[in-house]
């Protein structure tokens, strides 16, 4: 009984601490939760991003799934023209294993 309770609480804690990474690109900066600038090199980025094909695959930081509707997204983003306008800099990677935070403390933007 005690084991089942501890296991259940652990599962709930893990579930609540993970955040899906479904995003929607809005048309105006005022509509966005986060403004994003795409950099040329991974070393310049706060976050390395890999686009996944299914929402269920977007279960780790940097694995993003683009939704069809804003209401389906966990976070709305807006692409800015200048790095100084961005809340977050990203770099697109070729493999999901390369995705994730690059020493940045901006993870709170997606929580």
PDB file of N, CA and C in Angstrom:
ATOM      1  N   UNK A   1       0.825  -1.187   0.000  1.00  0.00           N
ATOM      2  CA  UNK A   1       0.000   0.000   0.000  1.00  0.00           C
ATOM      3  C   UNK A   1       0.872   1.254   0.000  1.00  0.00           C
ATOM      4  N   UNK A   2       1.864   1.283   0.870  1.00  0.00           N
ATOM      5  CA  UNK A   2       2.752   2.433   0.970  1.00  0.00           C
ATOM      6  C   UNK A   2       3.536   2.610  -0.337  1.00  0.00           C
ATOM      7  N   UNK A   3       3.968   1.499  -0.927  1.00  0.00           N
ATOM      8  CA  UNK A   3       4.704   1.530  -2.186  1.00  0.00           C
ATOM      9  C   UNK A   3       3.837   2.120  -3.306  1.00  0.00           C
ATOM     10  N   UNK A   4       2.573   1.730  -3.382  1.00  0.00           N
ATOM     11  CA  UNK A   4       1.656   2.237  -4.408  1.00  0.00           C
ATOM     12  C   UNK A   4       1.438   3.736  -4.257  1.00  0.00           C
ATOM     13  N   UNK A   5       1.320   4.208  -3.029  1.00  0.00           N
ATOM     14  CA  UNK A   5       1.127   5.630  -2.784  1.00  0.00           C
ATOM     15  C   UNK A   5       2.361   6.424  -3.202  1.00  0.00           C
ATOM     16  N   UNK A   6       3.530   5.956  -2.846  1.00  0.00           N
ATOM     17  CA  UNK A   6       4.772   6.640  -3.215  1.00  0.00           C
ATOM     18  C   UNK A   6       4.945   6.649  -4.733  1.00  0.00           C
ATOM     19  N   UNK A   7       4.665   5.536  -5.372  1.00  0.00           N
ATOM     20  CA  UNK A   7       4.765   5.446  -6.830  1.00  0.00           C
ATOM     21  C   UNK A   7       3.793   6.410  -7.500  1.00  0.00           C
ATOM     22  N   UNK A   8       2.584   6.485  -7.000  1.00  0.00           N
ATOM     23  CA  UNK A   8       1.582   7.398  -7.565  1.00  0.00           C
ATOM     24  C   UNK A   8       2.010   8.852  -7.412  1.00  0.00           C
ATOM     25  N   UNK A   9       2.503   9.213  -6.252  1.00  0.00           N
ATOM     26  CA  UNK A   9       2.949  10.585  -6.022  1.00  0.00           C
ATOM     27  C   UNK A   9       4.142  10.942  -6.904  1.00  0.00           C
ATOM     28  N   UNK A  10       5.054  10.008  -7.070  1.00  0.00           N
ATOM     29  CA  UNK A  10       6.206  10.233  -7.930  1.00  0.00           C
ATOM     30  C   UNK A  10       5.769  10.434  -9.377  1.00  0.00           C
ATOM     31  N   UNK A  11       4.846   9.623  -9.843  1.00  0.00           N
ATOM     32  CA  UNK A  11       4.327   9.747 -11.205  1.00  0.00           C
ATOM     33  C   UNK A  11       3.666  11.107 -11.415  1.00  0.00           C
ATOM     34  N   UNK A  12       2.868  11.541 -10.458  1.00  0.00           N
ATOM     35  CA  UNK A  12       2.196  12.842 -10.557  1.00  0.00           C
ATOM     36  C   UNK A  12       3.227  13.969 -10.590  1.00  0.00           C
ATOM     37  N   UNK A  13       4.233  13.899  -9.755  1.00  0.00           N
ATOM     38  CA  UNK A  13       5.270  14.933  -9.717  1.00  0.00           C
ATOM     39  C   UNK A  13       6.022  15.019 -11.045  1.00  0.00           C
ATOM     40  N   UNK A  14       6.354  13.874 -11.611  1.00  0.00           N
ATOM     41  CA  UNK A  14       7.057  13.850 -12.893  1.00  0.00           C
ATOM     42  C   UNK A  14       6.169  14.402 -13.995  1.00  0.00           C
ATOM     43  N   UNK A  15       4.913  14.020 -13.999  1.00  0.00           N
ATOM     44  CA  UNK A  15       3.970  14.487 -15.005  1.00  0.00           C
ATOM     45  C   UNK A  15       3.812  16.002 -14.948  1.00  0.00           C
ATOM     46  N   UNK A  16       3.712  16.556 -13.757  1.00  0.00           N
ATOM     47  CA  UNK A  16       3.535  17.996 -13.614  1.00  0.00           C
ATOM     48  C   UNK A  16       4.803  18.770 -13.933  1.00  0.00           C
ATOM     49  N   UNK A  17       5.961  18.171 -13.750  1.00  0.00           N
ATOM     50  CA  UNK A  17       7.206  18.895 -13.980  1.00  0.00           C
ATOM     51  C   UNK A  17       7.625  18.912 -15.445  1.00  0.00           C
ATOM     52  N   UNK A  18       7.101  18.006 -16.250  1.00  0.00           N
ATOM     53  CA  UNK A  18       7.444  18.006 -17.658  1.00  0.00           C
ATOM     54  C   UNK A  18       6.468  18.901 -18.403  1.00  0.00           C
ATOM     55  N   UNK A  19       6.975  19.568 -19.399  1.00  0.00           N
ATOM     56  CA  UNK A  19       6.102  20.445 -20.160  1.00  0.00           C
ATOM     57  C   UNK A  19       6.201  20.079 -21.625  1.00  0.00           C
ATOM     58  N   UNK A  20       5.074  19.997 -22.256  1.00  0.00           N
ATOM     59  CA  UNK A  20       5.067  19.724 -23.683  1.00  0.00           C
ATOM     60  C   UNK A  20       5.593  20.951 -24.406  1.00  0.00           C
ATOM     61  N   UNK A  21       6.041  20.773 -25.589  1.00  0.00           N
ATOM     62  CA  UNK A  21       6.652  21.853 -26.338  1.00  0.00           C
ATOM     63  C   UNK A  21       5.897  22.066 -27.643  1.00  0.00           C
ATOM     64  N   UNK A  22       4.578  22.160 -27.562  1.00  0.00           N
ATOM     65  CA  UNK A  22       3.811  22.468 -28.762  1.00  0.00           C
ATOM     66  C   UNK A  22       3.734  23.983 -28.895  1.00  0.00           C
ATOM     67  N   UNK A  23       4.054  24.467 -30.091  1.00  0.00           N
ATOM     68  CA  UNK A  23       4.140  25.904 -30.318  1.00  0.00           C
ATOM     69  C   UNK A  23       3.270  26.322 -31.498  1.00  0.00           C
ATOM     70  N   UNK A  24       2.940  27.593 -31.492  1.00  0.00           N
ATOM     71  CA  UNK A  24       2.189  28.196 -32.594  1.00  0.00           C
ATOM     72  C   UNK A  24       2.834  29.543 -32.887  1.00  0.00           C
ATOM     73  N   UNK A  25       3.123  29.805 -34.139  1.00  0.00           N
ATOM     74  CA  UNK A  25       3.719  31.073 -34.539  1.00  0.00           C
ATOM     75  C   UNK A  25       2.615  32.079 -34.842  1.00  0.00           C
ATOM     76  N   UNK A  26       2.577  33.157 -34.078  1.00  0.00           N
ATOM     77  CA  UNK A  26       1.559  34.193 -34.238  1.00  0.00           C
ATOM     78  C   UNK A  26       2.037  35.268 -35.215  1.00  0.00           C
ATOM     79  N   UNK A  27       1.120  36.122 -35.627  1.00  0.00           N
ATOM     80  CA  UNK A  27       1.420  37.148 -36.626  1.00  0.00           C
ATOM     81  C   UNK A  27       1.981  38.442 -36.045  1.00  0.00           C
ATOM     82  N   UNK A  28       1.750  38.668 -34.764  1.00  0.00           N
ATOM     83  CA  UNK A  28       2.181  39.919 -34.145  1.00  0.00           C
ATOM     84  C   UNK A  28       2.878  39.642 -32.815  1.00  0.00           C
ATOM     85  N   UNK A  29       3.891  40.432 -32.506  1.00  0.00           N
ATOM     86  CA  UNK A  29       4.657  40.252 -31.275  1.00  0.00           C
ATOM     87  C   UNK A  29       3.770  40.384 -30.043  1.00  0.00           C
ATOM     88  N   UNK A  30       2.766  41.239 -30.109  1.00  0.00           N
ATOM     89  CA  UNK A  30       1.881  41.453 -28.957  1.00  0.00           C
ATOM     90  C   UNK A  30       1.042  40.225 -28.623  1.00  0.00           C
ATOM     91  N   UNK A  31       0.917  39.301 -29.562  1.00  0.00           N
ATOM     92  CA  UNK A  31       0.146  38.073 -29.344  1.00  0.00           C
ATOM     93  C   UNK A  31       0.998  36.949 -28.767  1.00  0.00           C
ATOM     94  N   UNK A  32       2.304  37.118 -28.769  1.00  0.00           N
ATOM     95  CA  UNK A  32       3.224  36.030 -28.423  1.00  0.00           C
ATOM     96  C   UNK A  32       3.496  35.945 -26.932  1.00  0.00           C
ATOM     97  N   UNK A  33       3.686  34.700 -26.491  1.00  0.00           N
ATOM     98  CA  UNK A  33       4.191  34.464 -25.138  1.00  0.00           C
ATOM     99  C   UNK A  33       5.697  34.709 -25.107  1.00  0.00           C
ATOM    100  N   UNK A  34       6.367  34.340 -26.202  1.00  0.00           N
ATOM    101  CA  UNK A  34       7.826  34.434 -26.288  1.00  0.00           C
ATOM    102  C   UNK A  34       8.206  34.941 -27.674  1.00  0.00           C
ATOM    103  N   UNK A  35       9.112  35.924 -27.719  1.00  0.00           N
ATOM    104  CA  UNK A  35       9.660  36.359 -29.001  1.00  0.00           C
ATOM    105  C   UNK A  35      10.957  35.603 -29.238  1.00  0.00           C
ATOM    106  N   UNK A  36      11.165  35.195 -30.496  1.00  0.00           N
ATOM    107  CA  UNK A  36      12.250  34.279 -30.845  1.00  0.00           C
ATOM    108  C   UNK A  36      13.074  34.844 -31.997  1.00  0.00           C
ATOM    109  N   UNK A  37      14.380  34.667 -31.893  1.00  0.00           N
ATOM    110  CA  UNK A  37      15.284  35.024 -32.982  1.00  0.00           C
ATOM    111  C   UNK A  37      16.116  33.788 -33.324  1.00  0.00           C
ATOM    112  N   UNK A  38      16.208  33.481 -34.611  1.00  0.00           N
ATOM    113  CA  UNK A  38      16.968  32.318 -35.076  1.00  0.00           C
ATOM    114  C   UNK A  38      18.394  32.767 -35.386  1.00  0.00           C
ATOM    115  N   UNK A  39      19.359  32.160 -34.699  1.00  0.00           N
ATOM    116  CA  UNK A  39      20.770  32.508 -34.884  1.00  0.00           C
ATOM    117  C   UNK A  39      21.431  31.581 -35.901  1.00  0.00           C
ATOM    118  N   UNK A  40      22.628  31.966 -36.327  1.00  0.00           N
ATOM    119  CA  UNK A  40      23.344  31.213 -37.363  1.00  0.00           C
ATOM    120  C   UNK A  40      24.152  30.034 -36.838  1.00  0.00           C
ATOM    121  N   UNK A  41      24.498  30.073 -35.558  1.00  0.00           N
ATOM    122  CA  UNK A  41      25.349  29.031 -34.991  1.00  0.00           C
ATOM    123  C   UNK A  41      24.784  28.541 -33.661  1.00  0.00           C
ATOM    124  N   UNK A  42      24.946  27.267 -33.399  1.00  0.00           N
ATOM    125  CA  UNK A  42      24.430  26.665 -32.164  1.00  0.00           C
ATOM    126  C   UNK A  42      25.017  27.315 -30.926  1.00  0.00           C
ATOM    127  N   UNK A  43      26.259  27.742 -31.000  1.00  0.00           N
ATOM    128  CA  UNK A  43      26.915  28.347 -29.840  1.00  0.00           C
ATOM    129  C   UNK A  43      26.306  29.696 -29.455  1.00  0.00           C
ATOM    130  N   UNK A  44      25.560  30.305 -30.361  1.00  0.00           N
ATOM    131  CA  UNK A  44      24.913  31.591 -30.087  1.00  0.00           C
ATOM    132  C   UNK A  44      23.526  31.431 -29.475  1.00  0.00           C
ATOM    133  N   UNK A  45      23.005  30.227 -29.479  1.00  0.00           N
ATOM    134  CA  UNK A  45      21.606  29.991 -29.117  1.00  0.00           C
ATOM    135  C   UNK A  45      21.417  29.676 -27.639  1.00  0.00           C
ATOM    136  N   UNK A  46      20.270  30.129 -27.123  1.00  0.00           N
ATOM    137  CA  UNK A  46      19.847  29.707 -25.791  1.00  0.00           C
ATOM    138  C   UNK A  46      19.308  28.281 -25.849  1.00  0.00           C
ATOM    139  N   UNK A  47      18.636  27.974 -26.958  1.00  0.00           N
ATOM    140  CA  UNK A  47      17.959  26.686 -27.103  1.00  0.00           C
ATOM    141  C   UNK A  47      18.180  26.134 -28.502  1.00  0.00           C
ATOM    142  N   UNK A  48      18.566  24.875 -28.582  1.00  0.00           N
ATOM    143  CA  UNK A  48      18.639  24.164 -29.862  1.00  0.00           C
ATOM    144  C   UNK A  48      17.306  23.460 -30.063  1.00  0.00           C
ATOM    145  N   UNK A  49      16.710  23.662 -31.244  1.00  0.00           N
ATOM    146  CA  UNK A  49      15.349  23.191 -31.514  1.00  0.00           C
ATOM    147  C   UNK A  49      15.340  22.174 -32.641  1.00  0.00           C
ATOM    148  N   UNK A  50      14.561  21.132 -32.435  1.00  0.00           N
ATOM    149  CA  UNK A  50      14.326  20.132 -33.473  1.00  0.00           C
ATOM    150  C   UNK A  50      12.820  19.986 -33.636  1.00  0.00           C
ATOM    151  N   UNK A  51      12.338  20.133 -34.865  1.00  0.00           N
ATOM    152  CA  UNK A  51      10.905  20.001 -35.131  1.00  0.00           C
ATOM    153  C   UNK A  51      10.530  18.526 -35.218  1.00  0.00           C
ATOM    154  N   UNK A  52       9.517  18.130 -34.476  1.00  0.00           N
ATOM    155  CA  UNK A  52       9.040  16.745 -34.512  1.00  0.00           C
ATOM    156  C   UNK A  52       7.751  16.671 -35.320  1.00  0.00           C
ATOM    157  N   UNK A  53       7.415  15.471 -35.762  1.00  0.00           N
ATOM    158  CA  UNK A  53       6.239  15.272 -36.611  1.00  0.00           C
ATOM    159  C   UNK A  53       4.941  15.079 -35.835  1.00  0.00           C
ATOM    160  N   UNK A  54       5.056  14.659 -34.591  1.00  0.00           N
ATOM    161  CA  UNK A  54       3.872  14.368 -33.801  1.00  0.00           C
ATOM    162  C   UNK A  54       3.980  15.026 -32.425  1.00  0.00           C
ATOM    163  N   UNK A  55       2.879  15.515 -31.919  1.00  0.00           N
ATOM    164  CA  UNK A  55       2.877  16.204 -30.628  1.00  0.00           C
ATOM    165  C   UNK A  55       3.390  15.310 -29.503  1.00  0.00           C
ATOM    166  N   UNK A  56       3.110  14.030 -29.591  1.00  0.00           N
ATOM    167  CA  UNK A  56       3.552  13.106 -28.549  1.00  0.00           C
ATOM    168  C   UNK A  56       5.080  12.989 -28.481  1.00  0.00           C
ATOM    169  N   UNK A  57       5.773  13.380 -29.536  1.00  0.00           N
ATOM    170  CA  UNK A  57       7.237  13.338 -29.554  1.00  0.00           C
ATOM    171  C   UNK A  57       7.857  14.565 -28.881  1.00  0.00           C
ATOM    172  N   UNK A  58       7.064  15.597 -28.667  1.00  0.00           N
ATOM    173  CA  UNK A  58       7.569  16.863 -28.107  1.00  0.00           C
ATOM    174  C   UNK A  58       7.547  16.808 -26.592  1.00  0.00           C
ATOM    175  N   UNK A  59       8.291  15.874 -26.032  1.00  0.00           N
ATOM    176  CA  UNK A  59       8.236  15.632 -24.594  1.00  0.00           C
ATOM    177  C   UNK A  59       9.510  16.039 -23.867  1.00  0.00           C
ATOM    178  N   UNK A  60      10.440  16.666 -24.578  1.00  0.00           N
ATOM    179  CA  UNK A  60      11.686  17.122 -23.959  1.00  0.00           C
ATOM    180  C   UNK A  60      11.979  18.539 -24.424  1.00  0.00           C
ATOM    181  N   UNK A  61      12.801  19.247 -23.658  1.00  0.00           N
ATOM    182  CA  UNK A  61      13.172  20.608 -24.027  1.00  0.00           C
ATOM    183  C   UNK A  61      13.831  20.636 -25.393  1.00  0.00           C
ATOM    184  N   UNK A  62      13.359  21.535 -26.244  1.00  0.00           N
ATOM    185  CA  UNK A  62      13.934  21.690 -27.572  1.00  0.00           C
ATOM    186  C   UNK A  62      13.268  20.871 -28.645  1.00  0.00           C
ATOM    187  N   UNK A  63      12.435  19.932 -28.277  1.00  0.00           N
ATOM    188  CA  UNK A  63      11.663  19.169 -29.262  1.00  0.00           C
ATOM    189  C   UNK A  63      10.331  19.879 -29.427  1.00  0.00           C
ATOM    190  N   UNK A  64      10.151  20.529 -30.546  1.00  0.00           N
ATOM    191  CA  UNK A  64       8.964  21.360 -30.782  1.00  0.00           C
ATOM    192  C   UNK A  64       8.042  20.727 -31.804  1.00  0.00           C
ATOM    193  N   UNK A  65       6.766  20.891 -31.549  1.00  0.00           N
ATOM    194  CA  UNK A  65       5.727  20.470 -32.481  1.00  0.00           C
ATOM    195  C   UNK A  65       4.906  21.705 -32.842  1.00  0.00           C
ATOM    196  N   UNK A  66       4.755  21.993 -34.124  1.00  0.00           N
ATOM    197  CA  UNK A  66       3.998  23.152 -34.572  1.00  0.00           C
ATOM    198  C   UNK A  66       2.514  22.769 -34.693  1.00  0.00           C
ATOM    199  N   UNK A  67       1.682  23.451 -33.936  1.00  0.00           N
ATOM    200  CA  UNK A  67       0.248  23.174 -33.970  1.00  0.00           C
ATOM    201  C   UNK A  67      -0.423  23.960 -35.092  1.00  0.00           C
ATOM    202  N   UNK A  68      -1.611  23.519 -35.457  1.00  0.00           N
ATOM    203  CA  UNK A  68      -2.374  24.200 -36.499  1.00  0.00           C
ATOM    204  C   UNK A  68      -3.142  25.403 -35.957  1.00  0.00           C
ATOM    205  N   UNK A  69      -3.435  25.373 -34.668  1.00  0.00           N
ATOM    206  CA  UNK A  69      -4.238  26.433 -34.057  1.00  0.00           C
ATOM    207  C   UNK A  69      -3.583  26.898 -32.761  1.00  0.00           C
ATOM    208  N   UNK A  70      -3.687  28.179 -32.494  1.00  0.00           N
ATOM    209  CA  UNK A  70      -3.078  28.744 -31.293  1.00  0.00           C
ATOM    210  C   UNK A  70      -3.633  28.114 -30.025  1.00  0.00           C
ATOM    211  N   UNK A  71      -4.904  27.776 -30.032  1.00  0.00           N
ATOM    212  CA  UNK A  71      -5.531  27.191 -28.843  1.00  0.00           C
ATOM    213  C   UNK A  71      -4.970  25.814 -28.496  1.00  0.00           C
ATOM    214  N   UNK A  72      -4.318  25.157 -29.444  1.00  0.00           N
ATOM    215  CA  UNK A  72      -3.731  23.842 -29.206  1.00  0.00           C
ATOM    216  C   UNK A  72      -2.310  23.933 -28.657  1.00  0.00           C
ATOM    217  N   UNK A  73      -1.715  25.116 -28.706  1.00  0.00           N
ATOM    218  CA  UNK A  73      -0.306  25.275 -28.356  1.00  0.00           C
ATOM    219  C   UNK A  73      -0.103  25.520 -26.869  1.00  0.00           C
ATOM    220  N   UNK A  74       1.038  25.044 -26.379  1.00  0.00           N
ATOM    221  CA  UNK A  74       1.458  25.350 -25.016  1.00  0.00           C
ATOM    222  C   UNK A  74       2.014  26.758 -24.931  1.00  0.00           C
ATOM    223  N   UNK A  75       2.634  27.193 -26.010  1.00  0.00           N
ATOM    224  CA  UNK A  75       3.237  28.527 -26.036  1.00  0.00           C
ATOM    225  C   UNK A  75       3.132  29.096 -27.449  1.00  0.00           C
ATOM    226  N   UNK A  76       2.889  30.401 -27.529  1.00  0.00           N
ATOM    227  CA  UNK A  76       2.861  31.068 -28.831  1.00  0.00           C
ATOM    228  C   UNK A  76       4.159  31.853 -28.988  1.00  0.00           C
ATOM    229  N   UNK A  77       4.719  31.786 -30.192  1.00  0.00           N
ATOM    230  CA  UNK A  77       5.985  32.453 -30.456  1.00  0.00           C
ATOM    231  C   UNK A  77       5.827  33.445 -31.604  1.00  0.00           C
ATOM    232  N   UNK A  78       6.712  34.407 -31.615  1.00  0.00           N
ATOM    233  CA  UNK A  78       6.779  35.377 -32.715  1.00  0.00           C
ATOM    234  C   UNK A  78       8.242  35.520 -33.101  1.00  0.00           C
ATOM    235  N   UNK A  79       8.531  35.390 -34.389  1.00  0.00           N
ATOM    236  CA  UNK A  79       9.892  35.520 -34.891  1.00  0.00           C
ATOM    237  C   UNK A  79      10.205  36.996 -35.104  1.00  0.00           C
ATOM    238  N   UNK A  80      11.236  37.490 -34.437  1.00  0.00           N
ATOM    239  CA  UNK A  80      11.636  38.891 -34.575  1.00  0.00           C
ATOM    240  C   UNK A  80      12.780  39.015 -35.575  1.00  0.00           C
ATOM    241  N   UNK A  81      12.998  40.236 -36.045  1.00  0.00           N
ATOM    242  CA  UNK A  81      14.022  40.484 -37.050  1.00  0.00           C
ATOM    243  C   UNK A  81      15.407  40.728 -36.472  1.00  0.00           C
ATOM    244  N   UNK A  82      15.454  41.115 -35.207  1.00  0.00           N
ATOM    245  CA  UNK A  82      16.725  41.441 -34.588  1.00  0.00           C
ATOM    246  C   UNK A  82      16.880  40.714 -33.262  1.00  0.00           C
ATOM    247  N   UNK A  83      18.082  40.252 -32.991  1.00  0.00           N
ATOM    248  CA  UNK A  83      18.350  39.494 -31.771  1.00  0.00           C
ATOM    249  C   UNK A  83      18.020  40.291 -30.516  1.00  0.00           C
ATOM    250  N   UNK A  84      18.230  41.585 -30.560  1.00  0.00           N
ATOM    251  CA  UNK A  84      17.969  42.427 -29.387  1.00  0.00           C
ATOM    252  C   UNK A  84      16.485  42.499 -29.027  1.00  0.00           C
ATOM    253  N   UNK A  85      15.613  42.123 -29.952  1.00  0.00           N
ATOM    254  CA  UNK A  85      14.170  42.134 -29.705  1.00  0.00           C
ATOM    255  C   UNK A  85      13.676  40.817 -29.094  1.00  0.00           C
ATOM    256  N   UNK A  86      14.530  39.822 -29.043  1.00  0.00           N
ATOM    257  CA  UNK A  86      14.104  38.466 -28.690  1.00  0.00           C
ATOM    258  C   UNK A  86      14.208  38.181 -27.198  1.00  0.00           C
ATOM    259  N   UNK A  87      13.227  37.406 -26.727  1.00  0.00           N
ATOM    260  CA  UNK A  87      13.302  36.835 -25.389  1.00  0.00           C
ATOM    261  C   UNK A  87      14.210  35.616 -25.391  1.00  0.00           C
ATOM    262  N   UNK A  88      14.275  34.966 -26.553  1.00  0.00           N
ATOM    263  CA  UNK A  88      14.953  33.683 -26.672  1.00  0.00           C
ATOM    264  C   UNK A  88      15.626  33.581 -28.031  1.00  0.00           C
ATOM    265  N   UNK A  89      16.876  33.093 -28.047  1.00  0.00           N
ATOM    266  CA  UNK A  89      17.535  32.805 -29.320  1.00  0.00           C
ATOM    267  C   UNK A  89      17.546  31.295 -29.516  1.00  0.00           C
ATOM    268  N   UNK A  90      17.255  30.876 -30.747  1.00  0.00           N
ATOM    269  CA  UNK A  90      17.206  29.441 -31.044  1.00  0.00           C
ATOM    270  C   UNK A  90      18.063  29.129 -32.255  1.00  0.00           C
ATOM    271  N   UNK A  91      18.418  27.857 -32.340  1.00  0.00           N
ATOM    272  CA  UNK A  91      19.154  27.328 -33.485  1.00  0.00           C
ATOM    273  C   UNK A  91      18.506  26.007 -33.856  1.00  0.00           C
ATOM    274  N   UNK A  92      18.208  25.813 -35.143  1.00  0.00           N
ATOM    275  CA  UNK A  92      17.584  24.574 -35.591  1.00  0.00           C
ATOM    276  C   UNK A  92      18.647  23.498 -35.808  1.00  0.00           C
ATOM    277  N   UNK A  93      18.441  22.353 -35.196  1.00  0.00           N
ATOM    278  CA  UNK A  93      19.389  21.244 -35.316  1.00  0.00           C
ATOM    279  C   UNK A  93      18.812  20.153 -36.216  1.00  0.00           C
ATOM    280  N   UNK A  94      19.686  19.261 -36.662  1.00  0.00           N
ATOM    281  CA  UNK A  94      19.298  18.210 -37.604  1.00  0.00           C
ATOM    282  C   UNK A  94      18.785  16.939 -36.932  1.00  0.00           C
ATOM    283  N   UNK A  95      19.088  16.774 -35.656  1.00  0.00           N
ATOM    284  CA  UNK A  95      18.707  15.551 -34.947  1.00  0.00           C
ATOM    285  C   UNK A  95      18.091  15.890 -33.592  1.00  0.00           C
ATOM    286  N   UNK A  96      17.114  15.115 -33.195  1.00  0.00           N
ATOM    287  CA  UNK A  96      16.456  15.331 -31.920  1.00  0.00           C
ATOM    288  C   UNK A  96      17.387  15.229 -30.732  1.00  0.00           C
ATOM    289  N   UNK A  97      18.408  14.407 -30.850  1.00  0.00           N
ATOM    290  CA  UNK A  97      19.356  14.241 -29.750  1.00  0.00           C
ATOM    291  C   UNK A  97      20.195  15.492 -29.507  1.00  0.00           C
ATOM    292  N   UNK A  98      20.220  16.408 -30.462  1.00  0.00           N
ATOM    293  CA  UNK A  98      20.978  17.649 -30.317  1.00  0.00           C
ATOM    294  C   UNK A  98      20.151  18.756 -29.674  1.00  0.00           C
ATOM    295  N   UNK A  99      18.865  18.541 -29.516  1.00  0.00           N
ATOM    296  CA  UNK A  99      17.967  19.569 -28.995  1.00  0.00           C
ATOM    297  C   UNK A  99      18.138  19.743 -27.496  1.00  0.00           C
ATOM    298  N   UNK A 100      17.913  20.960 -27.049  1.00  0.00           N
ATOM    299  CA  UNK A 100      17.952  21.231 -25.615  1.00  0.00           C
ATOM    300  C   UNK A 100      18.552  22.585 -25.310  1.00  0.00           C
ATOM    301  N   UNK A 101      18.564  22.907 -24.030  1.00  0.00           N
ATOM    302  CA  UNK A 101      19.091  24.187 -23.562  1.00  0.00           C
ATOM    303  C   UNK A 101      20.612  24.172 -23.646  1.00  0.00           C
ATOM    304  N   UNK A 102      21.162  25.296 -24.032  1.00  0.00           N
ATOM    305  CA  UNK A 102      22.608  25.437 -24.197  1.00  0.00           C
ATOM    306  C   UNK A 102      23.182  26.310 -23.087  1.00  0.00           C
ATOM    307  N   UNK A 103      23.068  25.848 -21.853  1.00  0.00           N
ATOM    308  CA  UNK A 103      23.612  26.596 -20.733  1.00  0.00           C
ATOM    309  C   UNK A 103      22.823  27.844 -20.390  1.00  0.00           C
ATOM    310  N   UNK A 104      21.630  27.964 -20.917  1.00  0.00           N
ATOM    311  CA  UNK A 104      20.806  29.132 -20.659  1.00  0.00           C
ATOM    312  C   UNK A 104      19.921  28.906 -19.445  1.00  0.00           C
ATOM    313  N   UNK A 105      19.548  29.982 -18.795  1.00  0.00           N
ATOM    314  CA  UNK A 105      18.627  29.882 -17.667  1.00  0.00           C
ATOM    315  C   UNK A 105      17.240  30.382 -18.052  1.00  0.00           C
ATOM    316  N   UNK A 106      16.887  30.280 -19.330  1.00  0.00           N
ATOM    317  CA  UNK A 106      15.611  30.792 -19.818  1.00  0.00           C
ATOM    318  C   UNK A 106      14.529  29.720 -19.915  1.00  0.00           C
ATOM    319  N   UNK A 107      14.750  28.579 -19.306  1.00  0.00           N
ATOM    320  CA  UNK A 107      13.780  27.494 -19.350  1.00  0.00           C
ATOM    321  C   UNK A 107      12.418  27.881 -18.797  1.00  0.00           C
ATOM    322  N   UNK A 108      12.383  28.881 -17.935  1.00  0.00           N
ATOM    323  CA  UNK A 108      11.110  29.333 -17.358  1.00  0.00           C
ATOM    324  C   UNK A 108      10.156  29.880 -18.417  1.00  0.00           C
ATOM    325  N   UNK A 109      10.665  30.249 -19.592  1.00  0.00           N
ATOM    326  CA  UNK A 109       9.806  30.779 -20.649  1.00  0.00           C
ATOM    327  C   UNK A 109       8.836  29.729 -21.170  1.00  0.00           C
ATOM    328  N   UNK A 110       9.160  28.462 -20.981  1.00  0.00           N
ATOM    329  CA  UNK A 110       8.322  27.381 -21.497  1.00  0.00           C
ATOM    330  C   UNK A 110       7.686  26.575 -20.395  1.00  0.00           C
ATOM    331  N   UNK A 111       7.544  27.099 -19.239  1.00  0.00           N
ATOM    332  CA  UNK A 111       6.941  26.375 -18.128  1.00  0.00           C
ATOM    333  C   UNK A 111       5.614  26.966 -17.796  1.00  0.00           C
TER     334      UNK A 111
END
